[in-house]
Amino acid sequence: MEPVKSREDFLEADPRLSGFVLVDTTTGAMRDATIDDHYAYLQGLDLNPGVPEPVVNYINVVKNLYLYGWLCYPFFTVCQTHAAMAVEMALRLRMPQPTGQDRRTLKPLLQAAIAKGLIQDSGFPSLPDKQAEARLFYEELEKEMGIKTAVQPTPYVQVLLECLPRLRNEFAHPHDAWVVSPGMALEPVRLAVEIINQLW
């Protein structure tokens, strides 16, 4: 059961973070992760100057949720949910509905933005590294286990169109206790920033 954090331990790192270590790839030395590492992970995840203030504010709340996950581990899960909500908010502002109440959800908004060319594969700075990592994974899988995988050249925006709304809905309508790691929470923040920066 998830407890309410005691006042005495309020400013202490969540004990679940004690299992996370960083490894120096050149020396092999290991050390415990720190709050400074969490701040460092957010470096470079900045919005363009033209992004409207309400969206900037929302993304800053998402980043703060990520940082406060250091104190309360479940905030990483909440951070992931709100990163997708920030994208939905940005899409509504970038493509306002001319009349009436806007009932569009994340998927139709993404579809419209992709159709208008507002969101494109080339606008994701982190995509080449992710693709290279995936290729390496499949090469290792084939080398170590003899499993050959044919990777389909599906545009990244089409994958997002299917996955991001589904993921957002899973977290927005919980049916079980979802717990994500700090790294799993960071990727949706990066994704939200990269999508929003394409819109402005």
N, C-alpha and C. Protein backbone atom coordinates (compact mmCIF):
# COMPACT_ATOMS: atom_id res chain seq x y z
N MET A 1 0.85 -1.18 0.00
CA MET A 1 0.00 0.00 0.00
C MET A 1 0.89 1.24 0.00
N GLU A 2 0.48 2.24 -0.78
CA GLU A 2 1.24 3.49 -0.86
C GLU A 2 0.91 4.35 0.36
N PRO A 3 1.90 4.65 1.22
CA PRO A 3 1.61 5.45 2.42
C PRO A 3 1.63 6.94 2.13
N VAL A 4 1.04 7.71 3.02
CA VAL A 4 1.24 9.16 3.01
C VAL A 4 2.59 9.39 3.69
N LYS A 5 3.43 10.17 3.06
CA LYS A 5 4.78 10.36 3.59
C LYS A 5 4.72 11.10 4.92
N SER A 6 5.49 10.64 5.87
CA SER A 6 5.48 11.27 7.19
C SER A 6 6.17 12.63 7.13
N ARG A 7 5.80 13.50 8.03
CA ARG A 7 6.39 14.85 8.08
C ARG A 7 7.89 14.76 8.34
N GLU A 8 8.30 13.81 9.18
CA GLU A 8 9.71 13.67 9.52
C GLU A 8 10.56 13.31 8.31
N ASP A 9 9.99 12.55 7.38
CA ASP A 9 10.73 12.08 6.20
C ASP A 9 10.42 12.88 4.94
N PHE A 10 9.67 13.96 5.09
CA PHE A 10 9.15 14.66 3.92
C PHE A 10 10.23 15.05 2.91
N LEU A 11 11.35 15.55 3.37
CA LEU A 11 12.40 16.02 2.46
C LEU A 11 13.45 14.95 2.14
N GLU A 12 13.22 13.73 2.61
CA GLU A 12 14.13 12.64 2.32
C GLU A 12 13.78 12.00 0.97
N ALA A 13 14.79 11.52 0.26
CA ALA A 13 14.53 10.82 -1.00
C ALA A 13 13.66 9.61 -0.75
N ASP A 14 12.77 9.33 -1.68
CA ASP A 14 11.94 8.13 -1.59
C ASP A 14 12.88 6.92 -1.55
N PRO A 15 12.71 6.02 -0.58
CA PRO A 15 13.64 4.89 -0.45
C PRO A 15 13.72 4.01 -1.70
N ARG A 16 12.69 4.03 -2.53
CA ARG A 16 12.71 3.21 -3.74
C ARG A 16 13.78 3.67 -4.74
N LEU A 17 14.26 4.88 -4.58
CA LEU A 17 15.30 5.39 -5.47
C LEU A 17 16.68 4.88 -5.10
N SER A 18 16.80 4.24 -3.95
CA SER A 18 18.11 3.74 -3.52
C SER A 18 18.61 2.62 -4.42
N GLY A 19 17.73 2.04 -5.22
CA GLY A 19 18.14 0.95 -6.12
C GLY A 19 18.71 1.43 -7.43
N PHE A 20 18.70 2.74 -7.68
CA PHE A 20 19.18 3.26 -8.95
C PHE A 20 20.62 3.72 -8.84
N VAL A 21 21.46 3.20 -9.72
CA VAL A 21 22.87 3.58 -9.74
C VAL A 21 23.25 4.03 -11.14
N LEU A 22 24.29 4.83 -11.21
CA LEU A 22 24.86 5.26 -12.49
C LEU A 22 26.21 4.58 -12.66
N VAL A 23 26.50 4.17 -13.88
CA VAL A 23 27.76 3.48 -14.16
C VAL A 23 28.56 4.33 -15.14
N ASP A 24 29.79 4.61 -14.79
CA ASP A 24 30.71 5.30 -15.69
C ASP A 24 31.15 4.29 -16.74
N THR A 25 30.79 4.53 -18.00
CA THR A 25 31.05 3.55 -19.05
C THR A 25 32.54 3.40 -19.37
N THR A 26 33.35 4.37 -18.99
CA THR A 26 34.79 4.24 -19.26
C THR A 26 35.52 3.50 -18.14
N THR A 27 35.13 3.74 -16.88
CA THR A 27 35.84 3.12 -15.76
C THR A 27 35.09 1.95 -15.14
N GLY A 28 33.78 1.90 -15.37
CA GLY A 28 32.96 0.87 -14.74
C GLY A 28 32.57 1.21 -13.31
N ALA A 29 33.01 2.38 -12.82
CA ALA A 29 32.67 2.79 -11.45
C ALA A 29 31.17 3.07 -11.33
N MET A 30 30.62 2.67 -10.19
CA MET A 30 29.20 2.87 -9.95
C MET A 30 29.01 3.85 -8.79
N ARG A 31 27.90 4.60 -8.87
CA ARG A 31 27.53 5.49 -7.77
C ARG A 31 26.02 5.61 -7.72
N ASP A 32 25.52 5.97 -6.56
CA ASP A 32 24.08 6.16 -6.41
C ASP A 32 23.62 7.37 -7.21
N ALA A 33 22.41 7.28 -7.75
CA ALA A 33 21.80 8.44 -8.42
C ALA A 33 21.50 9.50 -7.38
N THR A 34 21.53 10.77 -7.80
CA THR A 34 21.24 11.89 -6.89
C THR A 34 20.19 12.79 -7.51
N ILE A 35 19.68 13.72 -6.71
CA ILE A 35 18.72 14.70 -7.23
C ILE A 35 19.39 15.56 -8.31
N ASP A 36 20.69 15.79 -8.19
CA ASP A 36 21.40 16.55 -9.23
C ASP A 36 21.33 15.84 -10.58
N ASP A 37 21.36 14.51 -10.57
CA ASP A 37 21.22 13.75 -11.81
C ASP A 37 19.85 14.01 -12.43
N HIS A 38 18.83 14.07 -11.59
CA HIS A 38 17.48 14.31 -12.11
C HIS A 38 17.36 15.70 -12.73
N TYR A 39 17.99 16.68 -12.11
CA TYR A 39 18.02 18.01 -12.72
C TYR A 39 18.78 17.96 -14.05
N ALA A 40 19.88 17.22 -14.09
CA ALA A 40 20.68 17.13 -15.31
C ALA A 40 19.90 16.48 -16.45
N TYR A 41 19.06 15.50 -16.13
CA TYR A 41 18.27 14.83 -17.17
C TYR A 41 17.31 15.79 -17.85
N LEU A 42 16.90 16.83 -17.15
CA LEU A 42 15.97 17.81 -17.74
C LEU A 42 16.68 18.88 -18.56
N GLN A 43 18.01 18.93 -18.46
CA GLN A 43 18.77 19.93 -19.23
C GLN A 43 18.55 19.70 -20.72
N GLY A 44 18.32 20.78 -21.44
CA GLY A 44 18.11 20.70 -22.88
C GLY A 44 16.67 20.44 -23.27
N LEU A 45 15.81 20.14 -22.30
CA LEU A 45 14.40 19.93 -22.61
C LEU A 45 13.66 21.27 -22.47
N ASP A 46 14.05 22.20 -23.32
CA ASP A 46 13.52 23.56 -23.26
C ASP A 46 12.54 23.79 -24.41
N LEU A 47 11.55 24.62 -24.15
CA LEU A 47 10.59 24.97 -25.18
C LEU A 47 11.07 26.18 -25.97
N ASN A 48 10.67 26.24 -27.22
CA ASN A 48 11.00 27.38 -28.07
C ASN A 48 10.41 28.67 -27.49
N PRO A 49 11.04 29.82 -27.75
CA PRO A 49 10.55 31.09 -27.22
C PRO A 49 9.12 31.43 -27.63
N GLY A 50 8.65 30.94 -28.77
CA GLY A 50 7.31 31.29 -29.24
C GLY A 50 6.18 30.47 -28.64
N VAL A 51 6.50 29.47 -27.81
CA VAL A 51 5.46 28.64 -27.20
C VAL A 51 4.65 29.49 -26.23
N PRO A 52 3.30 29.45 -26.31
CA PRO A 52 2.47 30.27 -25.44
C PRO A 52 2.70 29.96 -23.95
N GLU A 53 2.55 30.99 -23.14
CA GLU A 53 2.82 30.88 -21.70
C GLU A 53 2.03 29.76 -21.02
N PRO A 54 0.73 29.56 -21.32
CA PRO A 54 0.02 28.46 -20.64
C PRO A 54 0.66 27.09 -20.89
N VAL A 55 1.21 26.88 -22.09
CA VAL A 55 1.85 25.61 -22.39
C VAL A 55 3.19 25.51 -21.65
N VAL A 56 3.94 26.61 -21.63
CA VAL A 56 5.21 26.64 -20.89
C VAL A 56 4.95 26.32 -19.42
N ASN A 57 3.92 26.96 -18.86
CA ASN A 57 3.59 26.71 -17.45
C ASN A 57 3.25 25.25 -17.21
N TYR A 58 2.48 24.65 -18.11
CA TYR A 58 2.07 23.26 -17.94
C TYR A 58 3.29 22.33 -18.01
N ILE A 59 4.16 22.58 -18.99
CA ILE A 59 5.37 21.75 -19.09
C ILE A 59 6.25 21.92 -17.85
N ASN A 60 6.32 23.13 -17.31
CA ASN A 60 7.11 23.33 -16.09
C ASN A 60 6.51 22.57 -14.91
N VAL A 61 5.19 22.47 -14.85
CA VAL A 61 4.55 21.64 -13.81
C VAL A 61 4.96 20.18 -14.01
N VAL A 62 4.95 19.73 -15.26
CA VAL A 62 5.34 18.34 -15.56
C VAL A 62 6.79 18.10 -15.13
N LYS A 63 7.67 19.05 -15.43
CA LYS A 63 9.07 18.91 -15.02
C LYS A 63 9.20 18.89 -13.50
N ASN A 64 8.42 19.72 -12.82
CA ASN A 64 8.45 19.71 -11.36
C ASN A 64 7.94 18.39 -10.80
N LEU A 65 6.92 17.82 -11.43
CA LEU A 65 6.46 16.49 -11.00
C LEU A 65 7.59 15.48 -11.12
N TYR A 66 8.33 15.57 -12.22
CA TYR A 66 9.47 14.66 -12.40
C TYR A 66 10.48 14.85 -11.27
N LEU A 67 10.80 16.09 -10.96
CA LEU A 67 11.78 16.37 -9.90
C LEU A 67 11.25 15.93 -8.53
N TYR A 68 9.97 16.18 -8.27
CA TYR A 68 9.40 15.79 -6.98
C TYR A 68 9.25 14.27 -6.85
N GLY A 69 9.38 13.57 -7.97
CA GLY A 69 9.43 12.11 -7.89
C GLY A 69 10.59 11.64 -7.03
N TRP A 70 11.61 12.49 -6.89
CA TRP A 70 12.73 12.16 -6.01
C TRP A 70 12.25 11.99 -4.57
N LEU A 71 11.24 12.76 -4.20
CA LEU A 71 10.70 12.69 -2.83
C LEU A 71 9.55 11.70 -2.72
N CYS A 72 8.79 11.56 -3.80
CA CYS A 72 7.61 10.69 -3.78
C CYS A 72 7.55 9.93 -5.10
N TYR A 73 8.01 8.71 -5.10
CA TYR A 73 8.20 7.91 -6.32
C TYR A 73 6.99 7.86 -7.24
N PRO A 74 5.75 7.76 -6.73
CA PRO A 74 4.59 7.71 -7.64
C PRO A 74 4.40 8.96 -8.49
N PHE A 75 5.07 10.06 -8.14
CA PHE A 75 4.96 11.26 -8.97
C PHE A 75 5.52 11.02 -10.37
N PHE A 76 6.42 10.05 -10.53
CA PHE A 76 6.92 9.73 -11.86
C PHE A 76 5.77 9.27 -12.76
N THR A 77 4.85 8.51 -12.20
CA THR A 77 3.68 8.05 -12.96
C THR A 77 2.78 9.23 -13.33
N VAL A 78 2.55 10.11 -12.37
CA VAL A 78 1.71 11.29 -12.62
C VAL A 78 2.36 12.18 -13.67
N CYS A 79 3.67 12.30 -13.62
CA CYS A 79 4.43 13.08 -14.60
C CYS A 79 4.17 12.56 -16.01
N GLN A 80 4.21 11.26 -16.17
CA GLN A 80 4.00 10.65 -17.49
C GLN A 80 2.62 10.99 -18.03
N THR A 81 1.60 10.92 -17.19
CA THR A 81 0.24 11.24 -17.61
C THR A 81 0.12 12.69 -18.05
N HIS A 82 0.67 13.58 -17.26
CA HIS A 82 0.52 15.01 -17.54
C HIS A 82 1.36 15.46 -18.73
N ALA A 83 2.40 14.74 -19.07
CA ALA A 83 3.17 15.08 -20.27
C ALA A 83 2.28 14.95 -21.51
N ALA A 84 1.49 13.88 -21.57
CA ALA A 84 0.56 13.70 -22.70
C ALA A 84 -0.53 14.76 -22.67
N MET A 85 -0.98 15.15 -21.48
CA MET A 85 -2.01 16.19 -21.38
C MET A 85 -1.47 17.54 -21.86
N ALA A 86 -0.18 17.78 -21.63
CA ALA A 86 0.43 19.02 -22.10
C ALA A 86 0.42 19.06 -23.63
N VAL A 87 0.65 17.92 -24.26
CA VAL A 87 0.60 17.85 -25.73
C VAL A 87 -0.81 18.18 -26.21
N GLU A 88 -1.81 17.60 -25.57
CA GLU A 88 -3.20 17.85 -25.97
C GLU A 88 -3.53 19.34 -25.82
N MET A 89 -3.12 19.95 -24.73
CA MET A 89 -3.35 21.38 -24.52
C MET A 89 -2.70 22.21 -25.62
N ALA A 90 -1.45 21.87 -25.94
CA ALA A 90 -0.71 22.61 -26.97
C ALA A 90 -1.39 22.48 -28.33
N LEU A 91 -1.85 21.29 -28.66
CA LEU A 91 -2.52 21.07 -29.94
C LEU A 91 -3.80 21.89 -30.04
N ARG A 92 -4.55 21.96 -28.96
CA ARG A 92 -5.79 22.76 -28.96
C ARG A 92 -5.47 24.25 -29.18
N LEU A 93 -4.42 24.73 -28.54
CA LEU A 93 -4.05 26.14 -28.70
C LEU A 93 -3.51 26.43 -30.10
N ARG A 94 -2.77 25.48 -30.65
CA ARG A 94 -2.16 25.69 -31.98
C ARG A 94 -3.18 25.58 -33.10
N MET A 95 -4.20 24.73 -32.89
CA MET A 95 -5.24 24.52 -33.90
C MET A 95 -6.61 24.76 -33.27
N PRO A 96 -6.93 26.01 -32.94
CA PRO A 96 -8.18 26.27 -32.25
C PRO A 96 -9.39 25.91 -33.10
N GLN A 97 -10.42 25.46 -32.43
CA GLN A 97 -11.68 25.17 -33.12
C GLN A 97 -12.40 26.50 -33.32
N PRO A 98 -12.85 26.78 -34.55
CA PRO A 98 -13.40 28.10 -34.83
C PRO A 98 -14.67 28.44 -34.04
N THR A 99 -15.53 27.49 -33.85
CA THR A 99 -16.79 27.78 -33.13
C THR A 99 -17.15 26.64 -32.21
N GLY A 100 -17.95 26.95 -31.20
CA GLY A 100 -18.48 25.93 -30.30
C GLY A 100 -17.45 25.37 -29.34
N GLN A 101 -17.94 24.45 -28.52
CA GLN A 101 -17.08 23.83 -27.52
C GLN A 101 -16.16 22.81 -28.19
N ASP A 102 -14.91 22.83 -27.83
CA ASP A 102 -13.92 21.93 -28.43
C ASP A 102 -13.95 20.60 -27.70
N ARG A 103 -14.47 19.58 -28.37
CA ARG A 103 -14.56 18.24 -27.78
C ARG A 103 -13.53 17.28 -28.37
N ARG A 104 -12.60 17.82 -29.15
CA ARG A 104 -11.59 16.95 -29.76
C ARG A 104 -10.70 16.34 -28.67
N THR A 105 -10.36 15.10 -28.87
CA THR A 105 -9.46 14.40 -27.94
C THR A 105 -8.06 14.34 -28.56
N LEU A 106 -7.14 13.72 -27.84
CA LEU A 106 -5.75 13.72 -28.26
C LEU A 106 -5.55 13.10 -29.64
N LYS A 107 -6.17 11.98 -29.92
CA LYS A 107 -5.91 11.30 -31.20
C LYS A 107 -6.36 12.15 -32.40
N PRO A 108 -7.59 12.67 -32.42
CA PRO A 108 -7.96 13.52 -33.57
C PRO A 108 -7.10 14.78 -33.69
N LEU A 109 -6.67 15.33 -32.57
CA LEU A 109 -5.79 16.50 -32.61
C LEU A 109 -4.45 16.14 -33.23
N LEU A 110 -3.88 15.00 -32.82
CA LEU A 110 -2.63 14.54 -33.41
C LEU A 110 -2.79 14.27 -34.91
N GLN A 111 -3.91 13.62 -35.28
CA GLN A 111 -4.17 13.34 -36.70
C GLN A 111 -4.17 14.62 -37.51
N ALA A 112 -4.85 15.64 -37.00
CA ALA A 112 -4.95 16.91 -37.72
C ALA A 112 -3.58 17.57 -37.84
N ALA A 113 -2.80 17.55 -36.76
CA ALA A 113 -1.47 18.17 -36.79
C ALA A 113 -0.54 17.45 -37.75
N ILE A 114 -0.62 16.13 -37.79
CA ILE A 114 0.21 15.35 -38.72
C ILE A 114 -0.22 15.63 -40.15
N ALA A 115 -1.53 15.66 -40.39
CA ALA A 115 -2.06 15.93 -41.74
C ALA A 115 -1.65 17.31 -42.24
N LYS A 116 -1.57 18.28 -41.35
CA LYS A 116 -1.17 19.64 -41.73
C LYS A 116 0.35 19.79 -41.83
N GLY A 117 1.09 18.75 -41.48
CA GLY A 117 2.54 18.81 -41.53
C GLY A 117 3.16 19.55 -40.35
N LEU A 118 2.37 19.77 -39.30
CA LEU A 118 2.89 20.46 -38.12
C LEU A 118 3.81 19.57 -37.29
N ILE A 119 3.56 18.26 -37.35
CA ILE A 119 4.39 17.29 -36.63
C ILE A 119 4.94 16.31 -37.66
N GLN A 120 6.27 16.22 -37.74
CA GLN A 120 6.94 15.36 -38.71
C GLN A 120 8.08 14.60 -38.03
N ASP A 121 8.43 13.48 -38.61
CA ASP A 121 9.54 12.69 -38.06
C ASP A 121 10.81 13.53 -37.93
N SER A 122 11.05 14.39 -38.90
CA SER A 122 12.29 15.19 -38.91
C SER A 122 12.34 16.20 -37.77
N GLY A 123 11.22 16.43 -37.09
CA GLY A 123 11.18 17.40 -36.00
C GLY A 123 11.50 16.82 -34.63
N PHE A 124 11.88 15.54 -34.57
CA PHE A 124 12.20 14.89 -33.30
C PHE A 124 13.72 14.72 -33.19
N PRO A 125 14.41 15.61 -32.48
CA PRO A 125 15.87 15.50 -32.38
C PRO A 125 16.36 14.20 -31.76
N SER A 126 15.55 13.58 -30.90
CA SER A 126 15.99 12.35 -30.23
C SER A 126 15.74 11.11 -31.07
N LEU A 127 15.01 11.24 -32.19
CA LEU A 127 14.63 10.06 -32.98
C LEU A 127 15.81 9.29 -33.57
N PRO A 128 16.81 9.95 -34.17
CA PRO A 128 17.93 9.16 -34.73
C PRO A 128 18.62 8.27 -33.70
N ASP A 129 18.82 8.78 -32.48
CA ASP A 129 19.44 7.95 -31.44
C ASP A 129 18.56 6.78 -31.06
N LYS A 130 17.25 7.01 -30.98
CA LYS A 130 16.32 5.92 -30.65
C LYS A 130 16.32 4.86 -31.74
N GLN A 131 16.35 5.29 -32.99
CA GLN A 131 16.38 4.33 -34.10
C GLN A 131 17.68 3.54 -34.10
N ALA A 132 18.80 4.21 -33.83
CA ALA A 132 20.09 3.51 -33.77
C ALA A 132 20.10 2.50 -32.62
N GLU A 133 19.52 2.87 -31.49
CA GLU A 133 19.45 1.97 -30.34
C GLU A 133 18.59 0.74 -30.67
N ALA A 134 17.48 0.96 -31.38
CA ALA A 134 16.61 -0.15 -31.77
C ALA A 134 17.33 -1.09 -32.74
N ARG A 135 18.05 -0.52 -33.71
CA ARG A 135 18.80 -1.36 -34.65
C ARG A 135 19.83 -2.21 -33.92
N LEU A 136 20.54 -1.59 -32.97
CA LEU A 136 21.54 -2.31 -32.19
C LEU A 136 20.90 -3.44 -31.39
N PHE A 137 19.75 -3.17 -30.81
CA PHE A 137 19.03 -4.19 -30.03
C PHE A 137 18.70 -5.40 -30.91
N TYR A 138 18.15 -5.13 -32.10
CA TYR A 138 17.77 -6.24 -32.99
C TYR A 138 18.99 -6.98 -33.53
N GLU A 139 20.08 -6.26 -33.75
CA GLU A 139 21.32 -6.92 -34.18
C GLU A 139 21.84 -7.85 -33.08
N GLU A 140 21.80 -7.38 -31.84
CA GLU A 140 22.24 -8.20 -30.70
C GLU A 140 21.33 -9.41 -30.52
N LEU A 141 20.04 -9.20 -30.71
CA LEU A 141 19.06 -10.28 -30.58
C LEU A 141 19.36 -11.38 -31.60
N GLU A 142 19.66 -10.95 -32.81
CA GLU A 142 19.98 -11.93 -33.85
C GLU A 142 21.30 -12.63 -33.55
N LYS A 143 22.30 -11.86 -33.12
CA LYS A 143 23.63 -12.43 -32.85
C LYS A 143 23.60 -13.40 -31.67
N GLU A 144 22.93 -13.00 -30.59
CA GLU A 144 22.94 -13.81 -29.37
C GLU A 144 21.95 -14.97 -29.40
N MET A 145 20.78 -14.76 -30.03
CA MET A 145 19.73 -15.78 -29.94
C MET A 145 19.29 -16.32 -31.30
N GLY A 146 19.85 -15.76 -32.37
CA GLY A 146 19.47 -16.23 -33.70
C GLY A 146 18.09 -15.78 -34.14
N ILE A 147 17.53 -14.78 -33.46
CA ILE A 147 16.19 -14.29 -33.80
C ILE A 147 16.33 -13.12 -34.76
N LYS A 148 15.85 -13.30 -35.97
CA LYS A 148 15.93 -12.24 -36.97
C LYS A 148 14.58 -11.51 -36.99
N THR A 149 14.64 -10.21 -36.88
CA THR A 149 13.42 -9.40 -36.86
C THR A 149 13.44 -8.43 -38.03
N ALA A 150 12.36 -8.45 -38.79
CA ALA A 150 12.22 -7.50 -39.90
C ALA A 150 11.54 -6.25 -39.35
N VAL A 151 12.26 -5.14 -39.37
CA VAL A 151 11.72 -3.88 -38.85
C VAL A 151 11.00 -3.16 -39.98
N GLN A 152 9.73 -2.86 -39.74
CA GLN A 152 8.93 -2.17 -40.75
C GLN A 152 9.23 -0.67 -40.71
N PRO A 153 9.37 -0.04 -41.87
CA PRO A 153 9.69 1.39 -41.90
C PRO A 153 8.44 2.27 -41.68
N THR A 154 7.79 2.10 -40.54
CA THR A 154 6.61 2.90 -40.22
C THR A 154 7.04 4.28 -39.78
N PRO A 155 6.44 5.34 -40.34
CA PRO A 155 6.79 6.69 -39.87
C PRO A 155 6.54 6.82 -38.37
N TYR A 156 7.46 7.48 -37.70
CA TYR A 156 7.37 7.66 -36.25
C TYR A 156 6.07 8.36 -35.85
N VAL A 157 5.64 9.34 -36.66
CA VAL A 157 4.41 10.06 -36.30
C VAL A 157 3.20 9.13 -36.31
N GLN A 158 3.23 8.10 -37.15
CA GLN A 158 2.12 7.14 -37.17
C GLN A 158 2.14 6.26 -35.93
N VAL A 159 3.34 5.91 -35.48
CA VAL A 159 3.47 5.14 -34.24
C VAL A 159 2.94 5.97 -33.07
N LEU A 160 3.33 7.25 -33.04
CA LEU A 160 2.84 8.14 -31.98
C LEU A 160 1.34 8.26 -31.98
N LEU A 161 0.77 8.38 -33.18
CA LEU A 161 -0.67 8.53 -33.32
C LEU A 161 -1.42 7.37 -32.69
N GLU A 162 -0.85 6.19 -32.79
CA GLU A 162 -1.50 5.01 -32.19
C GLU A 162 -1.17 4.85 -30.71
N CYS A 163 0.08 5.10 -30.35
CA CYS A 163 0.54 4.77 -29.00
C CYS A 163 0.28 5.86 -27.96
N LEU A 164 0.52 7.13 -28.31
CA LEU A 164 0.42 8.19 -27.31
C LEU A 164 -0.98 8.32 -26.73
N PRO A 165 -2.05 8.36 -27.55
CA PRO A 165 -3.39 8.43 -26.96
C PRO A 165 -3.74 7.21 -26.11
N ARG A 166 -3.31 6.02 -26.57
CA ARG A 166 -3.61 4.81 -25.82
C ARG A 166 -2.90 4.83 -24.46
N LEU A 167 -1.64 5.26 -24.47
CA LEU A 167 -0.89 5.34 -23.23
C LEU A 167 -1.50 6.37 -22.28
N ARG A 168 -1.86 7.53 -22.84
CA ARG A 168 -2.48 8.57 -22.02
C ARG A 168 -3.77 8.06 -21.40
N ASN A 169 -4.59 7.35 -22.17
CA ASN A 169 -5.86 6.83 -21.66
C ASN A 169 -5.65 5.78 -20.58
N GLU A 170 -4.62 4.95 -20.76
CA GLU A 170 -4.33 3.93 -19.73
C GLU A 170 -4.04 4.58 -18.38
N PHE A 171 -3.28 5.68 -18.41
CA PHE A 171 -2.93 6.35 -17.16
C PHE A 171 -4.04 7.27 -16.66
N ALA A 172 -4.81 7.85 -17.58
CA ALA A 172 -5.88 8.77 -17.18
C ALA A 172 -7.08 8.02 -16.60
N HIS A 173 -7.25 6.76 -16.99
CA HIS A 173 -8.36 5.95 -16.49
C HIS A 173 -7.79 4.69 -15.84
N PRO A 174 -7.15 4.85 -14.69
CA PRO A 174 -6.43 3.72 -14.09
C PRO A 174 -7.36 2.60 -13.65
N HIS A 175 -6.89 1.39 -13.84
CA HIS A 175 -7.60 0.22 -13.36
C HIS A 175 -6.72 -0.60 -12.44
N ASP A 176 -5.50 -0.15 -12.26
CA ASP A 176 -4.54 -0.85 -11.41
C ASP A 176 -3.50 0.17 -10.98
N ALA A 177 -2.63 -0.22 -10.09
CA ALA A 177 -1.57 0.67 -9.64
C ALA A 177 -0.44 0.67 -10.67
N TRP A 178 -0.25 1.78 -11.36
CA TRP A 178 0.83 1.92 -12.33
C TRP A 178 2.02 2.56 -11.64
N VAL A 179 3.16 1.97 -11.80
CA VAL A 179 4.39 2.55 -11.26
C VAL A 179 5.42 2.54 -12.38
N VAL A 180 5.96 3.70 -12.69
CA VAL A 180 6.98 3.79 -13.73
C VAL A 180 8.29 4.26 -13.11
N SER A 181 9.37 3.93 -13.77
CA SER A 181 10.69 4.33 -13.29
C SER A 181 10.98 5.78 -13.69
N PRO A 182 12.01 6.40 -13.10
CA PRO A 182 12.37 7.77 -13.51
C PRO A 182 12.66 7.88 -15.01
N GLY A 183 13.34 6.88 -15.57
CA GLY A 183 13.63 6.90 -17.00
C GLY A 183 12.38 6.80 -17.85
N MET A 184 11.44 5.95 -17.41
CA MET A 184 10.19 5.82 -18.13
C MET A 184 9.38 7.11 -18.08
N ALA A 185 9.52 7.88 -17.01
CA ALA A 185 8.81 9.14 -16.88
C ALA A 185 9.47 10.24 -17.69
N LEU A 186 10.78 10.16 -17.85
CA LEU A 186 11.52 11.21 -18.56
C LEU A 186 11.21 11.21 -20.05
N GLU A 187 11.07 10.04 -20.65
CA GLU A 187 10.85 9.97 -22.09
C GLU A 187 9.57 10.68 -22.54
N PRO A 188 8.43 10.54 -21.84
CA PRO A 188 7.25 11.31 -22.25
C PRO A 188 7.44 12.82 -22.12
N VAL A 189 8.25 13.25 -21.16
CA VAL A 189 8.54 14.69 -21.03
C VAL A 189 9.32 15.14 -22.26
N ARG A 190 10.34 14.37 -22.65
CA ARG A 190 11.13 14.69 -23.84
C ARG A 190 10.23 14.71 -25.08
N LEU A 191 9.38 13.71 -25.19
CA LEU A 191 8.47 13.61 -26.34
C LEU A 191 7.54 14.82 -26.40
N ALA A 192 6.97 15.20 -25.25
CA ALA A 192 6.07 16.36 -25.21
C ALA A 192 6.79 17.62 -25.66
N VAL A 193 8.00 17.83 -25.16
CA VAL A 193 8.78 19.02 -25.54
C VAL A 193 9.05 19.01 -27.04
N GLU A 194 9.43 17.86 -27.59
CA GLU A 194 9.75 17.79 -29.02
C GLU A 194 8.52 18.00 -29.89
N ILE A 195 7.36 17.51 -29.46
CA ILE A 195 6.13 17.76 -30.21
C ILE A 195 5.76 19.23 -30.14
N ILE A 196 5.76 19.79 -28.94
CA ILE A 196 5.35 21.18 -28.76
C ILE A 196 6.28 22.13 -29.52
N ASN A 197 7.57 21.85 -29.52
CA ASN A 197 8.51 22.71 -30.24
C ASN A 197 8.26 22.68 -31.75
N GLN A 198 7.68 21.62 -32.26
CA GLN A 198 7.33 21.59 -33.69
C GLN A 198 6.11 22.48 -33.98
N LEU A 199 5.28 22.69 -32.97
CA LEU A 199 4.05 23.46 -33.18
C LEU A 199 4.32 24.97 -33.21
N TRP A 200 5.43 25.40 -32.56
CA TRP A 200 5.78 26.83 -32.54
C TRP A 200 7.25 27.01 -32.85
